[in-house]
Amino acid sequence: MAAPRDSLEILSLFHYAVGALLFMIALVPFALHLVGSAMADPAAVESVRRDGERVSSRFTPGCAAVAIAVGALGGAGIGRTGYDLARRRRYRRCLAAAGLECLFVPAGTFLGAATISMLLRPEIRSLFPDAPPESGASPSAGPPADPR
């Protein structure tokens, strides 16, 4: 089996790749909007257009902008998780991001499940200075407070 540090390095490279993939997929609505705008008939008279077409012409760019923003932020978040994994920082954020990656089917599901299973290993957890202790209890916690 590979050393834990090498495993985290490989996992971070996969995060960079999936983040770039998600970012590129986010640009598809932009391309579709450009093609759709080019196909529209500029010679059409505004008075001939129906109300639905006017609403559609405003709604479509809005949907494309939202899809681009969500995809770009998701890709940047996955890339940042890869950066944190490589630097062995922000354990809880990496674990939460791995759970959210499972929503990006199918590549994110495989990557998120692999990241979660790897981050839960004790030898990997010990590499992160900010990881919580395994038992779940804080080592500096004293006896329980008297409820009176």
C-alpha atoms as a PDB file:
ATOM      1  CA  MET A   1       0.000   0.000   0.000  1.00  0.00           C
ATOM      2  CA  ALA A   2       1.201   3.513  -0.745  1.00  0.00           C
ATOM      3  CA  ALA A   3       2.295   5.824   2.024  1.00  0.00           C
ATOM      4  CA  PRO A   4      -0.512   8.007   3.428  1.00  0.00           C
ATOM      5  CA  ARG A   5       1.124  11.197   2.160  1.00  0.00           C
ATOM      6  CA  ASP A   6       1.393   9.766  -1.353  1.00  0.00           C
ATOM      7  CA  SER A   7      -2.266   8.728  -1.231  1.00  0.00           C
ATOM      8  CA  LEU A   8      -3.286  12.270  -0.320  1.00  0.00           C
ATOM      9  CA  GLU A   9      -1.149  13.683  -3.142  1.00  0.00           C
ATOM     10  CA  ILE A  10      -2.800  11.388  -5.692  1.00  0.00           C
ATOM     11  CA  LEU A  11      -6.232  12.200  -4.304  1.00  0.00           C
ATOM     12  CA  SER A  12      -5.506  15.922  -4.567  1.00  0.00           C
ATOM     13  CA  LEU A  13      -4.541  15.509  -8.233  1.00  0.00           C
ATOM     14  CA  PHE A  14      -7.876  13.815  -8.908  1.00  0.00           C
ATOM     15  CA  HIS A  15      -9.595  16.731  -7.166  1.00  0.00           C
ATOM     16  CA  TYR A  16      -7.830  19.178  -9.457  1.00  0.00           C
ATOM     17  CA  ALA A  17      -8.906  17.164 -12.517  1.00  0.00           C
ATOM     18  CA  VAL A  18     -12.564  16.842 -11.458  1.00  0.00           C
ATOM     19  CA  GLY A  19     -12.674  20.529 -10.488  1.00  0.00           C
ATOM     20  CA  ALA A  20     -11.412  21.500 -13.946  1.00  0.00           C
ATOM     21  CA  LEU A  21     -13.929  19.121 -15.541  1.00  0.00           C
ATOM     22  CA  LEU A  22     -16.809  20.662 -13.600  1.00  0.00           C
ATOM     23  CA  PHE A  23     -15.632  24.152 -14.532  1.00  0.00           C
ATOM     24  CA  MET A  24     -15.531  23.218 -18.229  1.00  0.00           C
ATOM     25  CA  ILE A  25     -18.984  21.642 -18.026  1.00  0.00           C
ATOM     26  CA  ALA A  26     -20.236  24.894 -16.491  1.00  0.00           C
ATOM     27  CA  LEU A  27     -19.235  26.739 -19.654  1.00  0.00           C
ATOM     28  CA  VAL A  28     -21.605  24.646 -21.811  1.00  0.00           C
ATOM     29  CA  PRO A  29     -24.659  26.866 -21.051  1.00  0.00           C
ATOM     30  CA  PHE A  30     -22.604  29.883 -22.100  1.00  0.00           C
ATOM     31  CA  ALA A  31     -21.826  28.266 -25.456  1.00  0.00           C
ATOM     32  CA  LEU A  32     -25.463  27.255 -25.914  1.00  0.00           C
ATOM     33  CA  HIS A  33     -26.583  30.794 -25.154  1.00  0.00           C
ATOM     34  CA  LEU A  34     -24.162  32.196 -27.731  1.00  0.00           C
ATOM     35  CA  VAL A  35     -25.368  29.747 -30.369  1.00  0.00           C
ATOM     36  CA  GLY A  36     -29.021  30.441 -29.520  1.00  0.00           C
ATOM     37  CA  SER A  37     -28.467  34.188 -29.718  1.00  0.00           C
ATOM     38  CA  ALA A  38     -26.803  33.843 -33.094  1.00  0.00           C
ATOM     39  CA  MET A  39     -29.708  31.761 -34.400  1.00  0.00           C
ATOM     40  CA  ALA A  40     -32.330  34.327 -33.370  1.00  0.00           C
ATOM     41  CA  ASP A  41     -33.725  36.323 -36.228  1.00  0.00           C
ATOM     42  CA  PRO A  42     -32.601  39.931 -35.732  1.00  0.00           C
ATOM     43  CA  ALA A  43     -34.991  41.116 -38.462  1.00  0.00           C
ATOM     44  CA  ALA A  44     -38.069  40.061 -36.494  1.00  0.00           C
ATOM     45  CA  VAL A  45     -40.250  42.961 -35.531  1.00  0.00           C
ATOM     46  CA  GLU A  46     -40.753  43.379 -31.774  1.00  0.00           C
ATOM     47  CA  SER A  47     -44.498  43.846 -32.142  1.00  0.00           C
ATOM     48  CA  VAL A  48     -44.808  40.448 -33.809  1.00  0.00           C
ATOM     49  CA  ARG A  49     -43.182  38.608 -30.922  1.00  0.00           C
ATOM     50  CA  ARG A  50     -45.462  37.058 -28.374  1.00  0.00           C
ATOM     51  CA  ASP A  51     -45.224  37.668 -24.640  1.00  0.00           C
ATOM     52  CA  GLY A  52     -43.825  34.184 -24.063  1.00  0.00           C
ATOM     53  CA  GLU A  53     -40.941  34.870 -26.353  1.00  0.00           C
ATOM     54  CA  ARG A  54     -40.087  38.047 -24.468  1.00  0.00           C
ATOM     55  CA  VAL A  55     -40.113  36.213 -21.151  1.00  0.00           C
ATOM     56  CA  SER A  56     -38.065  33.386 -22.637  1.00  0.00           C
ATOM     57  CA  SER A  57     -35.519  35.809 -24.007  1.00  0.00           C
ATOM     58  CA  ARG A  58     -34.946  37.149 -20.490  1.00  0.00           C
ATOM     59  CA  PHE A  59     -35.266  33.862 -18.624  1.00  0.00           C
ATOM     60  CA  THR A  60     -32.771  31.853 -20.698  1.00  0.00           C
ATOM     61  CA  PRO A  61     -29.725  34.083 -20.061  1.00  0.00           C
ATOM     62  CA  GLY A  62     -30.605  34.137 -16.369  1.00  0.00           C
ATOM     63  CA  CYS A  63     -30.659  30.344 -16.197  1.00  0.00           C
ATOM     64  CA  ALA A  64     -27.388  30.167 -18.109  1.00  0.00           C
ATOM     65  CA  ALA A  65     -25.775  32.657 -15.720  1.00  0.00           C
ATOM     66  CA  VAL A  66     -26.904  30.685 -12.676  1.00  0.00           C
ATOM     67  CA  ALA A  67     -25.649  27.397 -14.169  1.00  0.00           C
ATOM     68  CA  ILE A  68     -22.303  28.957 -15.016  1.00  0.00           C
ATOM     69  CA  ALA A  69     -21.922  30.482 -11.544  1.00  0.00           C
ATOM     70  CA  VAL A  70     -22.849  27.257  -9.723  1.00  0.00           C
ATOM     71  CA  GLY A  71     -20.544  25.165 -11.890  1.00  0.00           C
ATOM     72  CA  ALA A  72     -17.654  27.597 -11.624  1.00  0.00           C
ATOM     73  CA  LEU A  73     -17.978  27.855  -7.847  1.00  0.00           C
ATOM     74  CA  GLY A  74     -18.305  24.080  -7.541  1.00  0.00           C
ATOM     75  CA  GLY A  75     -15.226  23.522  -9.680  1.00  0.00           C
ATOM     76  CA  ALA A  76     -13.270  26.080  -7.675  1.00  0.00           C
ATOM     77  CA  GLY A  77     -14.425  24.443  -4.425  1.00  0.00           C
ATOM     78  CA  ILE A  78     -13.304  21.006  -5.569  1.00  0.00           C
ATOM     79  CA  GLY A  79      -9.970  22.450  -6.682  1.00  0.00           C
ATOM     80  CA  ARG A  80      -9.557  24.154  -3.307  1.00  0.00           C
ATOM     81  CA  THR A  81     -10.278  20.838  -1.588  1.00  0.00           C
ATOM     82  CA  GLY A  82      -7.481  19.277  -3.638  1.00  0.00           C
ATOM     83  CA  TYR A  83      -5.180  22.075  -2.518  1.00  0.00           C
ATOM     84  CA  ASP A  84      -6.111  21.529   1.133  1.00  0.00           C
ATOM     85  CA  LEU A  85      -5.615  17.778   0.815  1.00  0.00           C
ATOM     86  CA  ALA A  86      -2.150  18.266  -0.662  1.00  0.00           C
ATOM     87  CA  ARG A  87      -1.223  20.663   2.169  1.00  0.00           C
ATOM     88  CA  ARG A  88      -2.996  18.485   4.800  1.00  0.00           C
ATOM     89  CA  ARG A  89      -5.085  21.345   6.159  1.00  0.00           C
ATOM     90  CA  ARG A  90      -8.775  21.890   7.016  1.00  0.00           C
ATOM     91  CA  TYR A  91      -9.766  18.301   7.747  1.00  0.00           C
ATOM     92  CA  ARG A  92     -13.434  19.016   8.412  1.00  0.00           C
ATOM     93  CA  ARG A  93     -13.795  21.145   5.292  1.00  0.00           C
ATOM     94  CA  CYS A  94     -12.229  18.404   3.174  1.00  0.00           C
ATOM     95  CA  LEU A  95     -14.622  15.869   4.680  1.00  0.00           C
ATOM     96  CA  ALA A  96     -17.650  18.117   4.078  1.00  0.00           C
ATOM     97  CA  ALA A  97     -16.549  18.876   0.519  1.00  0.00           C
ATOM     98  CA  ALA A  98     -16.145  15.160  -0.145  1.00  0.00           C
ATOM     99  CA  GLY A  99     -19.754  14.657   0.903  1.00  0.00           C
ATOM    100  CA  LEU A 100     -20.917  17.438  -1.422  1.00  0.00           C
ATOM    101  CA  GLU A 101     -18.850  16.016  -4.274  1.00  0.00           C
ATOM    102  CA  CYS A 102     -21.086  12.961  -4.214  1.00  0.00           C
ATOM    103  CA  LEU A 103     -23.816  15.133  -5.783  1.00  0.00           C
ATOM    104  CA  PHE A 104     -21.760  15.521  -8.962  1.00  0.00           C
ATOM    105  CA  VAL A 105     -22.620  12.215 -10.641  1.00  0.00           C
ATOM    106  CA  PRO A 106     -20.690  10.066 -11.691  1.00  0.00           C
ATOM    107  CA  ALA A 107     -17.137  11.409 -11.295  1.00  0.00           C
ATOM    108  CA  GLY A 108     -17.819  13.308  -8.089  1.00  0.00           C
ATOM    109  CA  THR A 109     -19.550  10.311  -6.525  1.00  0.00           C
ATOM    110  CA  PHE A 110     -16.500   8.108  -6.971  1.00  0.00           C
ATOM    111  CA  LEU A 111     -14.133  10.862  -5.887  1.00  0.00           C
ATOM    112  CA  GLY A 112     -16.241  11.844  -2.878  1.00  0.00           C
ATOM    113  CA  ALA A 113     -16.621   8.259  -1.665  1.00  0.00           C
ATOM    114  CA  ALA A 114     -12.893   7.593  -2.072  1.00  0.00           C
ATOM    115  CA  THR A 115     -12.050  10.826  -0.248  1.00  0.00           C
ATOM    116  CA  ILE A 116     -14.396  10.071   2.645  1.00  0.00           C
ATOM    117  CA  SER A 117     -13.087   6.533   3.052  1.00  0.00           C
ATOM    118  CA  MET A 118      -9.501   7.773   2.952  1.00  0.00           C
ATOM    119  CA  LEU A 119     -10.031  10.697   5.345  1.00  0.00           C
ATOM    120  CA  LEU A 120     -11.635   8.442   7.941  1.00  0.00           C
ATOM    121  CA  ARG A 121      -8.537   6.230   8.209  1.00  0.00           C
ATOM    122  CA  PRO A 122      -6.587   6.867  11.448  1.00  0.00           C
ATOM    123  CA  GLU A 123      -3.194   7.139   9.690  1.00  0.00           C
ATOM    124  CA  ILE A 124      -4.559   9.777   7.298  1.00  0.00           C
ATOM    125  CA  ARG A 125      -6.394  11.628  10.054  1.00  0.00           C
ATOM    126  CA  SER A 126      -3.163  11.910  12.043  1.00  0.00           C
ATOM    127  CA  LEU A 127      -1.544  13.850   9.164  1.00  0.00           C
ATOM    128  CA  PHE A 128      -3.985  16.739   9.613  1.00  0.00           C
ATOM    129  CA  PRO A 129      -3.049  18.949  12.574  1.00  0.00           C
ATOM    130  CA  ASP A 130      -6.608  20.271  12.899  1.00  0.00           C
ATOM    131  CA  ALA A 131      -8.363  16.878  12.774  1.00  0.00           C
ATOM    132  CA  PRO A 132     -10.570  16.043  15.760  1.00  0.00           C
ATOM    133  CA  PRO A 133      -9.412  13.207  18.013  1.00  0.00           C
ATOM    134  CA  GLU A 134     -10.677   9.752  17.088  1.00  0.00           C
ATOM    135  CA  SER A 135     -12.643   9.095  20.259  1.00  0.00           C
ATOM    136  CA  GLY A 136     -14.771  12.186  19.662  1.00  0.00           C
ATOM    137  CA  ALA A 137     -13.984  13.594  23.111  1.00  0.00           C
ATOM    138  CA  SER A 138     -11.645  16.507  23.511  1.00  0.00           C
ATOM    139  CA  PRO A 139      -8.441  15.512  25.347  1.00  0.00           C
ATOM    140  CA  SER A 140      -8.414  18.795  27.280  1.00  0.00           C
ATOM    141  CA  ALA A 141     -11.973  18.378  28.523  1.00  0.00           C
ATOM    142  CA  GLY A 142     -12.216  18.112  32.269  1.00  0.00           C
ATOM    143  CA  PRO A 143     -14.846  16.336  34.310  1.00  0.00           C
ATOM    144  CA  PRO A 144     -18.455  17.118  33.465  1.00  0.00           C
ATOM    145  CA  ALA A 145     -19.878  20.242  35.091  1.00  0.00           C
ATOM    146  CA  ASP A 146     -22.170  19.873  38.063  1.00  0.00           C
ATOM    147  CA  PRO A 147     -25.755  20.446  36.775  1.00  0.00           C
ATOM    148  CA  ARG A 148     -26.878  22.244  39.957  1.00  0.00           C
END
